[in-house]
C-alpha atoms as a PDB file:
ATOM      1  CA  MET A   1       0.000   0.000   0.000  1.00  0.00           C
ATOM      2  CA  MET A   2       1.335   3.440  -0.870  1.00  0.00           C
ATOM      3  CA  LYS A   3       2.607   5.703   1.860  1.00  0.00           C
ATOM      4  CA  PHE A   4       0.520   8.808   2.557  1.00  0.00           C
ATOM      5  CA  MET A   5       3.423  11.151   1.932  1.00  0.00           C
ATOM      6  CA  ARG A   6       3.620   9.875  -1.660  1.00  0.00           C
ATOM      7  CA  THR A   7       0.038  10.866  -2.464  1.00  0.00           C
ATOM      8  CA  SER A   8       0.386  14.637  -2.599  1.00  0.00           C
ATOM      9  CA  SER A   9       0.045  14.735  -6.376  1.00  0.00           C
ATOM     10  CA  LEU A  10      -3.122  12.643  -6.332  1.00  0.00           C
ATOM     11  CA  LEU A  11      -4.658  14.629  -3.502  1.00  0.00           C
ATOM     12  CA  GLY A  12      -3.608  17.919  -5.063  1.00  0.00           C
ATOM     13  CA  LEU A  13      -5.262  16.905  -8.326  1.00  0.00           C
ATOM     14  CA  SER A  14      -8.539  16.112  -6.563  1.00  0.00           C
ATOM     15  CA  LEU A  15      -8.376  19.489  -4.818  1.00  0.00           C
ATOM     16  CA  LEU A  16      -7.865  21.244  -8.140  1.00  0.00           C
ATOM     17  CA  LEU A  17     -10.759  19.425  -9.787  1.00  0.00           C
ATOM     18  CA  LEU A  18     -13.114  20.083  -6.902  1.00  0.00           C
ATOM     19  CA  SER A  19     -12.128  23.715  -6.356  1.00  0.00           C
ATOM     20  CA  THR A  20     -14.393  24.837  -9.195  1.00  0.00           C
ATOM     21  CA  CYS A  21     -17.473  23.286  -7.556  1.00  0.00           C
ATOM     22  CA  THR A  22     -19.615  25.564  -5.442  1.00  0.00           C
ATOM     23  CA  LEU A  23     -20.936  24.485  -2.071  1.00  0.00           C
ATOM     24  CA  ALA A  24     -24.447  24.290  -3.489  1.00  0.00           C
ATOM     25  CA  GLU A  25     -23.299  22.027  -6.324  1.00  0.00           C
ATOM     26  CA  SER A  26     -21.533  19.718  -3.877  1.00  0.00           C
ATOM     27  CA  LEU A  27     -24.572  19.466  -1.615  1.00  0.00           C
ATOM     28  CA  ALA A  28     -26.844  18.781  -4.568  1.00  0.00           C
ATOM     29  CA  THR A  29     -25.080  15.555  -5.547  1.00  0.00           C
ATOM     30  CA  ARG A  30     -26.346  12.406  -3.842  1.00  0.00           C
ATOM     31  CA  THR A  31     -23.363  10.256  -4.837  1.00  0.00           C
ATOM     32  CA  PRO A  32     -20.830   9.896  -2.012  1.00  0.00           C
ATOM     33  CA  PRO A  33     -17.414  11.221  -3.055  1.00  0.00           C
ATOM     34  CA  SER A  34     -14.822   8.562  -3.737  1.00  0.00           C
ATOM     35  CA  VAL A  35     -12.090   8.192  -1.126  1.00  0.00           C
ATOM     36  CA  GLN A  36      -8.710   6.492  -1.125  1.00  0.00           C
ATOM     37  CA  GLU A  37      -7.126   4.513   1.704  1.00  0.00           C
ATOM     38  CA  PHE A  38      -3.425   4.793   2.520  1.00  0.00           C
ATOM     39  CA  THR A  39      -1.086   4.027   5.408  1.00  0.00           C
ATOM     40  CA  ASP A  40       0.894   6.690   7.226  1.00  0.00           C
ATOM     41  CA  GLU A  41       4.500   6.530   8.398  1.00  0.00           C
ATOM     42  CA  HIS A  42       3.466   4.612  11.540  1.00  0.00           C
ATOM     43  CA  GLY A  43       1.492   2.016   9.623  1.00  0.00           C
ATOM     44  CA  ALA A  44      -1.941   3.405  10.516  1.00  0.00           C
ATOM     45  CA  ALA A  45      -4.674   3.034   7.898  1.00  0.00           C
ATOM     46  CA  ILE A  46      -6.120   6.410   6.875  1.00  0.00           C
ATOM     47  CA  VAL A  47      -8.669   7.613   4.357  1.00  0.00           C
ATOM     48  CA  ALA A  48      -8.231  10.786   2.309  1.00  0.00           C
ATOM     49  CA  ILE A  49     -11.556  12.625   2.052  1.00  0.00           C
ATOM     50  CA  PRO A  50     -11.741  15.137  -0.814  1.00  0.00           C
ATOM     51  CA  SER A  51     -12.817  18.718  -0.266  1.00  0.00           C
ATOM     52  CA  GLY A  52     -16.537  19.296  -0.326  1.00  0.00           C
ATOM     53  CA  GLY A  53     -19.600  20.472   1.522  1.00  0.00           C
ATOM     54  CA  PHE A  54     -22.186  18.859   3.745  1.00  0.00           C
ATOM     55  CA  MET A  55     -25.093  19.768   6.005  1.00  0.00           C
ATOM     56  CA  MET A  56     -23.915  19.719   9.612  1.00  0.00           C
ATOM     57  CA  GLY A  57     -26.151  19.265  12.649  1.00  0.00           C
ATOM     58  CA  SER A  58     -29.716  18.115  13.252  1.00  0.00           C
ATOM     59  CA  GLU A  59     -33.093  19.692  13.890  1.00  0.00           C
ATOM     60  CA  ASP A  60     -34.605  16.593  15.554  1.00  0.00           C
ATOM     61  CA  GLY A  61     -31.940  15.956  18.172  1.00  0.00           C
ATOM     62  CA  TYR A  62     -30.737  18.009  21.120  1.00  0.00           C
ATOM     63  CA  GLU A  63     -30.792  21.800  21.132  1.00  0.00           C
ATOM     64  CA  ASN A  64     -27.014  22.086  20.792  1.00  0.00           C
ATOM     65  CA  GLU A  65     -27.184  20.198  17.461  1.00  0.00           C
ATOM     66  CA  ALA A  66     -29.124  22.995  15.751  1.00  0.00           C
ATOM     67  CA  PRO A  67     -29.434  24.760  13.442  1.00  0.00           C
ATOM     68  CA  VAL A  68     -28.499  22.582  10.491  1.00  0.00           C
ATOM     69  CA  HIS A  69     -25.999  24.623   8.498  1.00  0.00           C
ATOM     70  CA  GLU A  70     -23.857  24.325   5.390  1.00  0.00           C
ATOM     71  CA  VAL A  71     -20.169  23.608   5.922  1.00  0.00           C
ATOM     72  CA  TRP A  72     -17.346  23.411   3.400  1.00  0.00           C
ATOM     73  CA  LEU A  73     -14.197  21.490   4.321  1.00  0.00           C
ATOM     74  CA  ASP A  74     -10.861  21.397   2.557  1.00  0.00           C
ATOM     75  CA  GLU A  75      -9.402  17.995   1.811  1.00  0.00           C
ATOM     76  CA  TYR A  76      -8.227  16.070   4.865  1.00  0.00           C
ATOM     77  CA  ALA A  77      -7.421  12.535   5.983  1.00  0.00           C
ATOM     78  CA  ILE A  78      -8.724  10.589   8.974  1.00  0.00           C
ATOM     79  CA  ASP A  79      -7.968   7.247  10.615  1.00  0.00           C
ATOM     80  CA  VAL A  80      -9.917   4.214   9.448  1.00  0.00           C
ATOM     81  CA  TYR A  81      -9.941   2.783  12.987  1.00  0.00           C
ATOM     82  CA  GLU A  82     -10.042   4.106  16.507  1.00  0.00           C
ATOM     83  CA  VAL A  83      -6.575   4.138  18.097  1.00  0.00           C
ATOM     84  CA  THR A  84      -5.946   0.782  19.770  1.00  0.00           C
ATOM     85  CA  ASN A  85      -4.183  -0.300  22.934  1.00  0.00           C
ATOM     86  CA  GLU A  86      -1.220  -1.628  20.946  1.00  0.00           C
ATOM     87  CA  ASP A  87      -1.002   1.680  19.041  1.00  0.00           C
ATOM     88  CA  TYR A  88      -0.954   3.716  22.221  1.00  0.00           C
ATOM     89  CA  ALA A  89       1.470   1.362  23.960  1.00  0.00           C
ATOM     90  CA  ARG A  90       4.048   2.001  21.207  1.00  0.00           C
ATOM     91  CA  PHE A  91       3.597   5.722  21.727  1.00  0.00           C
ATOM     92  CA  LEU A  92       4.025   5.466  25.509  1.00  0.00           C
ATOM     93  CA  SER A  93       7.137   3.316  25.087  1.00  0.00           C
ATOM     94  CA  GLU A  94       8.740   5.983  22.916  1.00  0.00           C
ATOM     95  CA  LYS A  95       7.491   9.193  24.549  1.00  0.00           C
ATOM     96  CA  GLY A  96       6.642   8.224  28.139  1.00  0.00           C
ATOM     97  CA  ASN A  97       3.494   9.008  30.125  1.00  0.00           C
ATOM     98  CA  TRP A  98       3.789  12.728  30.815  1.00  0.00           C
ATOM     99  CA  GLU A  99       1.545  14.909  32.945  1.00  0.00           C
ATOM    100  CA  GLU A 100      -0.449  17.640  31.227  1.00  0.00           C
ATOM    101  CA  GLY A 101      -3.530  19.525  32.370  1.00  0.00           C
ATOM    102  CA  GLY A 102      -3.020  18.176  35.877  1.00  0.00           C
ATOM    103  CA  VAL A 103      -3.156  14.477  34.883  1.00  0.00           C
ATOM    104  CA  THR A 104      -0.961  11.955  33.113  1.00  0.00           C
ATOM    105  CA  TRP A 105      -1.818  11.289  29.489  1.00  0.00           C
ATOM    106  CA  TYR A 106      -2.822   7.725  30.301  1.00  0.00           C
ATOM    107  CA  ASP A 107      -4.390   6.544  33.555  1.00  0.00           C
ATOM    108  CA  ALA A 108      -2.257   3.449  34.084  1.00  0.00           C
ATOM    109  CA  SER A 109      -3.323   3.200  37.729  1.00  0.00           C
ATOM    110  CA  SER A 110      -6.917   2.358  36.839  1.00  0.00           C
ATOM    111  CA  GLU A 111      -8.128  -1.210  37.277  1.00  0.00           C
ATOM    112  CA  ARG A 112      -9.786  -0.799  33.869  1.00  0.00           C
ATOM    113  CA  ALA A 113      -6.520   0.128  32.125  1.00  0.00           C
ATOM    114  CA  GLN A 114      -5.454  -2.394  29.479  1.00  0.00           C
ATOM    115  CA  ILE A 115      -1.918  -1.100  28.930  1.00  0.00           C
ATOM    116  CA  ARG A 116       0.761  -1.840  31.518  1.00  0.00           C
ATOM    117  CA  LEU A 117       4.393  -0.854  32.000  1.00  0.00           C
ATOM    118  CA  GLN A 118       6.507  -3.997  31.708  1.00  0.00           C
ATOM    119  CA  GLY A 119      10.084  -3.174  32.578  1.00  0.00           C
ATOM    120  CA  GLU A 120      10.948  -0.167  30.444  1.00  0.00           C
ATOM    121  CA  ALA A 121       8.289  -0.722  27.777  1.00  0.00           C
ATOM    122  CA  TRP A 122       4.524  -0.419  27.691  1.00  0.00           C
ATOM    123  CA  ALA A 123       2.411  -3.272  26.332  1.00  0.00           C
ATOM    124  CA  ALA A 124      -1.261  -4.075  25.844  1.00  0.00           C
ATOM    125  CA  GLU A 125      -2.651  -6.808  28.069  1.00  0.00           C
ATOM    126  CA  ALA A 126      -3.097 -10.176  26.401  1.00  0.00           C
ATOM    127  CA  GLY A 127      -6.274 -10.317  24.356  1.00  0.00           C
ATOM    128  CA  TYR A 128      -6.769  -6.539  24.282  1.00  0.00           C
ATOM    129  CA  ALA A 129      -4.228  -5.332  21.718  1.00  0.00           C
ATOM    130  CA  ARG A 130      -6.898  -4.472  19.110  1.00  0.00           C
ATOM    131  CA  HIS A 131      -9.396  -2.978  21.545  1.00  0.00           C
ATOM    132  CA  PRO A 132      -9.759   0.813  21.385  1.00  0.00           C
ATOM    133  CA  VAL A 133      -7.615   2.589  23.939  1.00  0.00           C
ATOM    134  CA  VAL A 134      -9.485   4.333  26.765  1.00  0.00           C
ATOM    135  CA  LYS A 135      -8.377   6.102  29.968  1.00  0.00           C
ATOM    136  CA  VAL A 136      -6.673   8.759  27.784  1.00  0.00           C
ATOM    137  CA  SER A 137      -7.089  12.494  28.446  1.00  0.00           C
ATOM    138  CA  TRP A 138      -7.642  14.997  25.647  1.00  0.00           C
ATOM    139  CA  TYR A 139      -4.017  16.030  26.117  1.00  0.00           C
ATOM    140  CA  GLY A 140      -2.876  12.432  25.779  1.00  0.00           C
ATOM    141  CA  ALA A 141      -4.932  11.964  22.626  1.00  0.00           C
ATOM    142  CA  GLN A 142      -3.569  15.134  21.047  1.00  0.00           C
ATOM    143  CA  ALA A 143       0.007  14.192  22.018  1.00  0.00           C
ATOM    144  CA  TYR A 144      -0.358  10.795  20.353  1.00  0.00           C
ATOM    145  CA  CYS A 145      -1.700  12.347  17.155  1.00  0.00           C
ATOM    146  CA  ALA A 146       1.148  14.880  17.112  1.00  0.00           C
ATOM    147  CA  TRP A 147       3.624  11.984  17.494  1.00  0.00           C
ATOM    148  CA  ARG A 148       2.157  10.589  14.286  1.00  0.00           C
ATOM    149  CA  GLY A 149       2.424  13.941  12.515  1.00  0.00           C
ATOM    150  CA  ALA A 150      -1.314  14.415  12.789  1.00  0.00           C
ATOM    151  CA  ARG A 151      -3.871  15.992  15.169  1.00  0.00           C
ATOM    152  CA  LEU A 152      -7.359  15.411  16.479  1.00  0.00           C
ATOM    153  CA  PRO A 153     -10.116  16.047  13.906  1.00  0.00           C
ATOM    154  CA  THR A 154     -12.244  19.148  14.213  1.00  0.00           C
ATOM    155  CA  GLU A 155     -15.864  18.574  15.097  1.00  0.00           C
ATOM    156  CA  ALA A 156     -16.901  19.309  11.501  1.00  0.00           C
ATOM    157  CA  GLN A 157     -14.289  16.943  10.072  1.00  0.00           C
ATOM    158  CA  TRP A 158     -15.434  14.207  12.420  1.00  0.00           C
ATOM    159  CA  GLU A 159     -19.115  14.623  11.495  1.00  0.00           C
ATOM    160  CA  ARG A 160     -18.516  14.664   7.751  1.00  0.00           C
ATOM    161  CA  ALA A 161     -16.395  11.532   8.080  1.00  0.00           C
ATOM    162  CA  ALA A 162     -19.058   9.829  10.230  1.00  0.00           C
ATOM    163  CA  ARG A 163     -21.789  10.566   7.692  1.00  0.00           C
ATOM    164  CA  GLY A 164     -19.822   8.658   5.070  1.00  0.00           C
ATOM    165  CA  GLY A 165     -21.335  10.649   2.204  1.00  0.00           C
ATOM    166  CA  LEU A 166     -24.949  10.366   3.392  1.00  0.00           C
ATOM    167  CA  GLU A 167     -26.897  13.617   3.832  1.00  0.00           C
ATOM    168  CA  GLY A 168     -29.544  14.204   6.459  1.00  0.00           C
ATOM    169  CA  ARG A 169     -29.346  10.743   8.049  1.00  0.00           C
ATOM    170  CA  ARG A 170     -29.319   9.897  11.733  1.00  0.00           C
ATOM    171  CA  TYR A 171     -26.551   7.300  11.723  1.00  0.00           C
ATOM    172  CA  PRO A 172     -23.473   6.499   9.610  1.00  0.00           C
ATOM    173  CA  TRP A 173     -25.502   3.827   7.751  1.00  0.00           C
ATOM    174  CA  GLY A 174     -28.821   5.708   7.399  1.00  0.00           C
ATOM    175  CA  ASP A 175     -31.954   6.139   9.509  1.00  0.00           C
ATOM    176  CA  GLU A 176     -32.403   2.553  10.714  1.00  0.00           C
ATOM    177  CA  ASN A 177     -31.980   2.053  14.446  1.00  0.00           C
ATOM    178  CA  PRO A 178     -28.744   0.275  15.424  1.00  0.00           C
ATOM    179  CA  THR A 179     -28.605  -3.442  16.054  1.00  0.00           C
ATOM    180  CA  CYS A 180     -26.010  -5.635  17.739  1.00  0.00           C
ATOM    181  CA  GLY A 181     -25.579  -7.891  14.702  1.00  0.00           C
ATOM    182  CA  MET A 182     -21.987  -7.817  13.509  1.00  0.00           C
ATOM    183  CA  ASP A 183     -23.071  -8.656   9.961  1.00  0.00           C
ATOM    184  CA  ASP A 184     -25.789  -5.981   9.899  1.00  0.00           C
ATOM    185  CA  LEU A 185     -25.079  -2.775   8.002  1.00  0.00           C
ATOM    186  CA  SER A 186     -26.712  -0.967  10.924  1.00  0.00           C
ATOM    187  CA  GLY A 187     -24.696  -2.877  13.509  1.00  0.00           C
ATOM    188  CA  ALA A 188     -22.914  -0.977  16.289  1.00  0.00           C
ATOM    189  CA  ASN A 189     -21.593  -1.626  19.780  1.00  0.00           C
ATOM    190  CA  TYR A 190     -23.871   0.202  22.242  1.00  0.00           C
ATOM    191  CA  ARG A 191     -25.620  -0.390  25.572  1.00  0.00           C
ATOM    192  CA  ALA A 192     -27.934  -3.122  24.289  1.00  0.00           C
ATOM    193  CA  CYS A 193     -24.988  -5.256  23.169  1.00  0.00           C
ATOM    194  CA  GLY A 194     -23.518  -6.169  26.547  1.00  0.00           C
ATOM    195  CA  GLU A 195     -21.658  -3.029  27.651  1.00  0.00           C
ATOM    196  CA  GLU A 196     -18.165  -4.233  26.787  1.00  0.00           C
ATOM    197  CA  ARG A 197     -15.634  -2.720  24.398  1.00  0.00           C
ATOM    198  CA  LEU A 198     -14.901  -4.784  21.298  1.00  0.00           C
ATOM    199  CA  PRO A 199     -11.886  -4.930  18.960  1.00  0.00           C
ATOM    200  CA  VAL A 200     -11.916  -2.117  16.416  1.00  0.00           C
ATOM    201  CA  GLY A 201     -13.558  -3.003  13.121  1.00  0.00           C
ATOM    202  CA  SER A 202     -15.953  -5.555  14.615  1.00  0.00           C
ATOM    203  CA  TYR A 203     -18.892  -3.999  12.760  1.00  0.00           C
ATOM    204  CA  PRO A 204     -19.252  -2.984   9.077  1.00  0.00           C
ATOM    205  CA  PRO A 205     -17.695   0.330   7.920  1.00  0.00           C
ATOM    206  CA  ASN A 206     -19.614   3.370   6.693  1.00  0.00           C
ATOM    207  CA  GLY A 207     -19.625   4.762   3.160  1.00  0.00           C
ATOM    208  CA  PHE A 208     -16.093   6.162   3.533  1.00  0.00           C
ATOM    209  CA  GLY A 209     -14.728   2.830   4.759  1.00  0.00           C
ATOM    210  CA  LEU A 210     -14.436   4.063   8.371  1.00  0.00           C
ATOM    211  CA  TYR A 211     -15.157   1.775  11.305  1.00  0.00           C
ATOM    212  CA  ASP A 212     -16.841   2.439  14.658  1.00  0.00           C
ATOM    213  CA  MET A 213     -18.029   5.955  13.858  1.00  0.00           C
ATOM    214  CA  ALA A 214     -21.027   5.013  16.046  1.00  0.00           C
ATOM    215  CA  GLY A 215     -20.521   3.197  19.328  1.00  0.00           C
ATOM    216  CA  ASN A 216     -17.656   1.224  20.859  1.00  0.00           C
ATOM    217  CA  VAL A 217     -16.002   4.338  22.358  1.00  0.00           C
ATOM    218  CA  TRP A 218     -16.814   7.995  22.022  1.00  0.00           C
ATOM    219  CA  GLU A 219     -14.050  10.065  20.426  1.00  0.00           C
ATOM    220  CA  TRP A 220     -12.216  13.242  21.345  1.00  0.00           C
ATOM    221  CA  THR A 221     -12.256  16.079  18.822  1.00  0.00           C
ATOM    222  CA  ALA A 222     -10.047  19.162  18.669  1.00  0.00           C
ATOM    223  CA  ASP A 223     -12.823  21.666  19.392  1.00  0.00           C
ATOM    224  CA  TRP A 224     -13.912  23.438  22.543  1.00  0.00           C
ATOM    225  CA  PHE A 225     -17.609  22.975  23.294  1.00  0.00           C
ATOM    226  CA  ALA A 226     -20.230  25.716  23.114  1.00  0.00           C
ATOM    227  CA  ALA A 227     -23.958  24.947  23.154  1.00  0.00           C
ATOM    228  CA  ASP A 228     -24.640  27.737  20.644  1.00  0.00           C
ATOM    229  CA  ALA A 229     -21.627  27.039  18.419  1.00  0.00           C
ATOM    230  CA  TYR A 230     -23.803  26.541  15.339  1.00  0.00           C
ATOM    231  CA  GLN A 231     -25.645  29.858  15.604  1.00  0.00           C
ATOM    232  CA  ASP A 232     -22.874  31.820  13.902  1.00  0.00           C
ATOM    233  CA  ALA A 233     -20.690  28.982  12.670  1.00  0.00           C
ATOM    234  CA  LEU A 234     -18.163  29.611   9.929  1.00  0.00           C
ATOM    235  CA  ALA A 235     -19.179  28.148   6.583  1.00  0.00           C
ATOM    236  CA  GLU A 236     -15.620  27.090   5.711  1.00  0.00           C
ATOM    237  CA  ASN A 237     -13.357  24.880   7.825  1.00  0.00           C
ATOM    238  CA  PRO A 238     -14.929  25.712  11.211  1.00  0.00           C
ATOM    239  CA  SER A 239     -12.790  24.981  14.255  1.00  0.00           C
ATOM    240  CA  GLY A 240     -15.144  25.836  17.115  1.00  0.00           C
ATOM    241  CA  PRO A 241     -14.733  28.429  19.898  1.00  0.00           C
ATOM    242  CA  LEU A 242     -11.317  29.794  20.811  1.00  0.00           C
ATOM    243  CA  ASP A 243     -11.579  28.552  24.406  1.00  0.00           C
ATOM    244  CA  GLY A 244     -13.909  26.937  26.881  1.00  0.00           C
ATOM    245  CA  ALA A 245     -14.224  24.541  29.803  1.00  0.00           C
ATOM    246  CA  TYR A 246     -15.081  21.378  27.864  1.00  0.00           C
ATOM    247  CA  ARG A 247     -13.897  19.590  24.730  1.00  0.00           C
ATOM    248  CA  VAL A 248     -16.344  18.089  22.254  1.00  0.00           C
ATOM    249  CA  LEU A 249     -16.679  14.321  22.053  1.00  0.00           C
ATOM    250  CA  ARG A 250     -18.543  12.426  19.340  1.00  0.00           C
ATOM    251  CA  GLY A 251     -19.870   9.032  18.340  1.00  0.00           C
ATOM    252  CA  GLY A 252     -21.419   7.524  21.457  1.00  0.00           C
ATOM    253  CA  SER A 253     -20.034   4.496  23.280  1.00  0.00           C
ATOM    254  CA  TYR A 254     -20.662   0.914  24.297  1.00  0.00           C
ATOM    255  CA  GLN A 255     -22.361   2.198  27.474  1.00  0.00           C
ATOM    256  CA  MET A 256     -24.729   4.639  25.734  1.00  0.00           C
ATOM    257  CA  ASP A 257     -28.228   4.392  24.313  1.00  0.00           C
ATOM    258  CA  ALA A 258     -28.897   4.394  20.579  1.00  0.00           C
ATOM    259  CA  LYS A 259     -29.913   8.070  20.422  1.00  0.00           C
ATOM    260  CA  LEU A 260     -26.375   9.081  21.432  1.00  0.00           C
ATOM    261  CA  LEU A 261     -24.875   7.171  18.493  1.00  0.00           C
ATOM    262  CA  ARG A 262     -26.362   9.627  16.000  1.00  0.00           C
ATOM    263  CA  VAL A 263     -23.818  11.428  13.802  1.00  0.00           C
ATOM    264  CA  ALA A 264     -25.016  14.862  14.989  1.00  0.00           C
ATOM    265  CA  TRP A 265     -24.844  14.097  18.715  1.00  0.00           C
ATOM    266  CA  ARG A 266     -22.469  16.401  20.615  1.00  0.00           C
ATOM    267  CA  GLY A 267     -21.094  15.495  24.005  1.00  0.00           C
ATOM    268  CA  LYS A 268     -18.781  17.446  26.292  1.00  0.00           C
ATOM    269  CA  VAL A 269     -16.246  16.612  29.004  1.00  0.00           C
ATOM    270  CA  THR A 270     -13.306  18.406  30.565  1.00  0.00           C
ATOM    271  CA  PRO A 271     -10.002  17.735  28.772  1.00  0.00           C
ATOM    272  CA  ASP A 272      -8.534  16.002  31.846  1.00  0.00           C
ATOM    273  CA  ASN A 273     -11.241  13.329  31.708  1.00  0.00           C
ATOM    274  CA  ARG A 274      -9.911   9.757  31.470  1.00  0.00           C
ATOM    275  CA  ASP A 275     -12.833   7.359  31.624  1.00  0.00           C
ATOM    276  CA  ASP A 276     -13.727   3.882  30.355  1.00  0.00           C
ATOM    277  CA  GLU A 277     -15.772   5.135  27.393  1.00  0.00           C
ATOM    278  CA  GLY A 278     -13.437   7.629  25.758  1.00  0.00           C
ATOM    279  CA  GLY A 279     -11.110   7.029  22.842  1.00  0.00           C
ATOM    280  CA  PHE A 280     -10.097   8.843  19.665  1.00  0.00           C
ATOM    281  CA  ARG A 281      -8.796   8.736  16.117  1.00  0.00           C
ATOM    282  CA  CYS A 282      -6.427  11.145  14.350  1.00  0.00           C
ATOM    283  CA  ALA A 283      -6.701  13.401  11.320  1.00  0.00           C
ATOM    284  CA  ARG A 284      -4.339  15.410   9.171  1.00  0.00           C
END
């Protein structure tokens, strides 16, 4: 598989071809844009999503999801899978577990932690290497992404990726309620499925080939949270408020009800939070 850094000509060409399309023209098409999968320098699978527009938010969810508004995003790439325990263990082994925001990046002292320090190296516990990492603060998630030459996705980037090319739908697969069937297109890991994390990629991907955009673990984004963020949102490449008390999380988790798995759902927690439900993926 080609390395991401060798794709600049291909991605640049798609940018050039799409630059002449207006936002209205992009929103009018019902055919999901084609995407390409690559691997980055650390071996992580990523998908390059071409520039384009989409309708962000929901009018039939919570108040902080409205109003629905048009957003244009430049081309970006995002991880195919949530970051796993084995991924994060490699990072900790190289960089260490530093304190930031009053807490260490990873809460290794928790009984629920699945990464342990063994001698001078960190390693995932047996049987949990491919499970999504949890117990990671926002600072720890951002530090990992920076180590990979990436960053956390903005809230808008996350939502467009989660929609997988579908407009106006509740979930990454459409409007059907989620099920626990691993062969179902509407399958997802949520409260009804046993309240346990599962290895990444256990359920079918969305239209962009991305896994676990609903359920399993909720995901950190780069943005600060504001309940009225959509009232005067930027139409191009929005990045949220300049500051705040909480960071936005998306996607719902294995401990949440189906309504919180919707692509427009917006959660909030303080950036020092390190719980059993929170994970992340990176973008660039």
